[in-house]
Protein backbone atom coordinates (compact mmCIF):
# COMPACT_ATOMS: atom_id res chain seq x y z
CA UNK A 1 186.92 146.46 228.53
CA UNK A 2 184.20 148.03 230.74
CA UNK A 3 181.25 146.82 228.93
CA UNK A 4 177.57 147.85 229.83
CA UNK A 5 175.70 145.17 230.27
CA UNK A 6 172.11 146.33 228.42
CA UNK A 7 169.48 143.98 228.00
CA UNK A 8 169.06 142.44 224.23
CA UNK A 9 166.56 144.00 221.96
CA UNK A 10 165.14 140.26 220.80
CA UNK A 11 164.12 139.55 225.56
CA UNK A 12 162.21 143.00 225.41
CA UNK A 13 160.57 141.83 222.31
CA UNK A 14 159.01 138.45 223.24
CA UNK A 15 157.68 139.72 225.76
CA UNK A 16 156.32 142.95 224.28
CA UNK A 17 154.69 140.47 222.01
CA UNK A 18 153.84 137.83 224.58
CA UNK A 19 152.19 140.04 226.87
CA UNK A 20 150.67 141.85 223.50
CA UNK A 21 148.74 138.76 222.70
CA UNK A 22 147.91 137.94 226.49
CA UNK A 23 146.20 140.92 225.83
CA UNK A 24 144.63 140.52 223.70
CA UNK A 25 143.04 136.92 224.15
CA UNK A 26 141.46 137.93 227.67
CA UNK A 27 139.72 140.57 225.96
CA UNK A 28 138.46 137.91 223.19
CA UNK A 29 137.38 135.94 226.11
CA UNK A 30 135.64 137.97 227.84
CA UNK A 31 134.51 140.87 225.56
CA UNK A 32 134.71 139.07 221.87
CA UNK A 33 131.78 137.77 219.43
CA UNK A 34 132.38 134.42 221.49
CA UNK A 35 132.82 135.43 224.95
CA UNK A 36 132.02 135.34 228.26
CA UNK A 37 129.29 138.14 227.84
CA UNK A 38 128.63 137.67 224.63
CA UNK A 39 126.96 134.68 226.14
CA UNK A 40 124.88 136.32 229.47
CA UNK A 41 123.52 137.71 226.21
CA UNK A 42 122.46 134.43 225.31
CA UNK A 43 121.47 133.33 228.15
CA UNK A 44 118.89 135.80 228.17
CA UNK A 45 117.85 136.25 224.96
CA UNK A 46 117.32 132.04 225.28
CA UNK A 47 115.22 132.43 228.29
CA UNK A 48 113.14 135.76 226.73
CA UNK A 49 112.74 133.94 223.52
CA UNK A 50 111.47 130.65 225.87
CA UNK A 51 108.50 132.53 228.17
CA UNK A 52 107.55 133.54 224.04
CA UNK A 53 107.37 130.06 223.00
CA UNK A 54 105.18 129.61 225.47
CA UNK A 55 102.69 132.07 225.17
CA UNK A 56 102.27 131.17 221.59
CA UNK A 57 101.45 128.07 222.83
CA UNK A 58 99.25 129.20 224.86
CA UNK A 59 97.55 131.02 222.88
CA UNK A 60 97.17 128.45 219.49
CA UNK A 61 95.80 126.26 222.57
CA UNK A 62 93.34 128.62 222.76
CA UNK A 63 92.16 129.12 219.68
CA UNK A 64 92.63 125.64 219.00
CA UNK A 65 90.44 125.11 221.88
CA UNK A 66 87.36 127.68 220.37
CA UNK A 67 88.36 125.89 216.63
CA UNK A 68 86.80 122.90 217.96
CA UNK A 69 84.31 124.28 219.29
CA UNK A 70 83.04 126.25 216.82
CA UNK A 71 83.04 123.31 214.38
CA UNK A 72 80.44 120.50 212.92
CA UNK A 73 81.51 117.86 215.33
CA UNK A 74 81.39 119.72 218.36
CA UNK A 75 79.00 123.09 218.56
CA UNK A 76 79.18 125.22 221.55
CA UNK A 77 75.63 127.18 221.50
CA UNK A 78 77.49 130.16 224.15
CA UNK A 79 80.33 130.10 221.65
CA UNK A 80 78.32 130.93 218.93
CA UNK A 81 75.99 133.48 220.10
CA UNK A 82 78.35 134.89 222.21
CA UNK A 83 79.81 135.55 218.56
CA UNK A 84 77.59 136.20 216.84
CA UNK A 85 76.32 139.29 219.04
CA UNK A 86 79.16 139.99 218.41
CA UNK A 87 80.35 140.00 214.69
CA UNK A 88 76.37 141.18 214.42
CA UNK A 89 75.91 143.23 217.71
CA UNK A 90 72.50 142.75 217.99
CA UNK A 91 71.09 142.21 221.38
CA UNK A 92 67.97 140.94 222.97
CA UNK A 93 65.23 142.62 223.86
CA UNK A 94 65.06 141.44 227.40
CA UNK A 95 68.78 143.10 227.24
CA UNK A 96 70.33 145.98 228.38
CA UNK A 97 73.58 147.56 227.74
CA UNK A 98 76.09 148.95 229.82
CA UNK A 99 78.92 151.09 228.77
């Protein structure tokens, strides 16, 4: 009996499937919806949103300050004068406008 030893097809199929699954899960861990690249994108987006939040909070604080300065309880005459001039477009007789 001169039988030629050939690899079993089942063994080859098992290793092919195991290799394919390994490649798939590695790809998914790096490029997938929950992979490393997506995590980096989310981190960068979170930092950008944090900066936007700080800018909006600063704007809100500035607007609250202006609102307080124009309220009935606290009246800033300089701010009132500035706002009325801006809205009405009026000048005093001793002022010069430079454009």
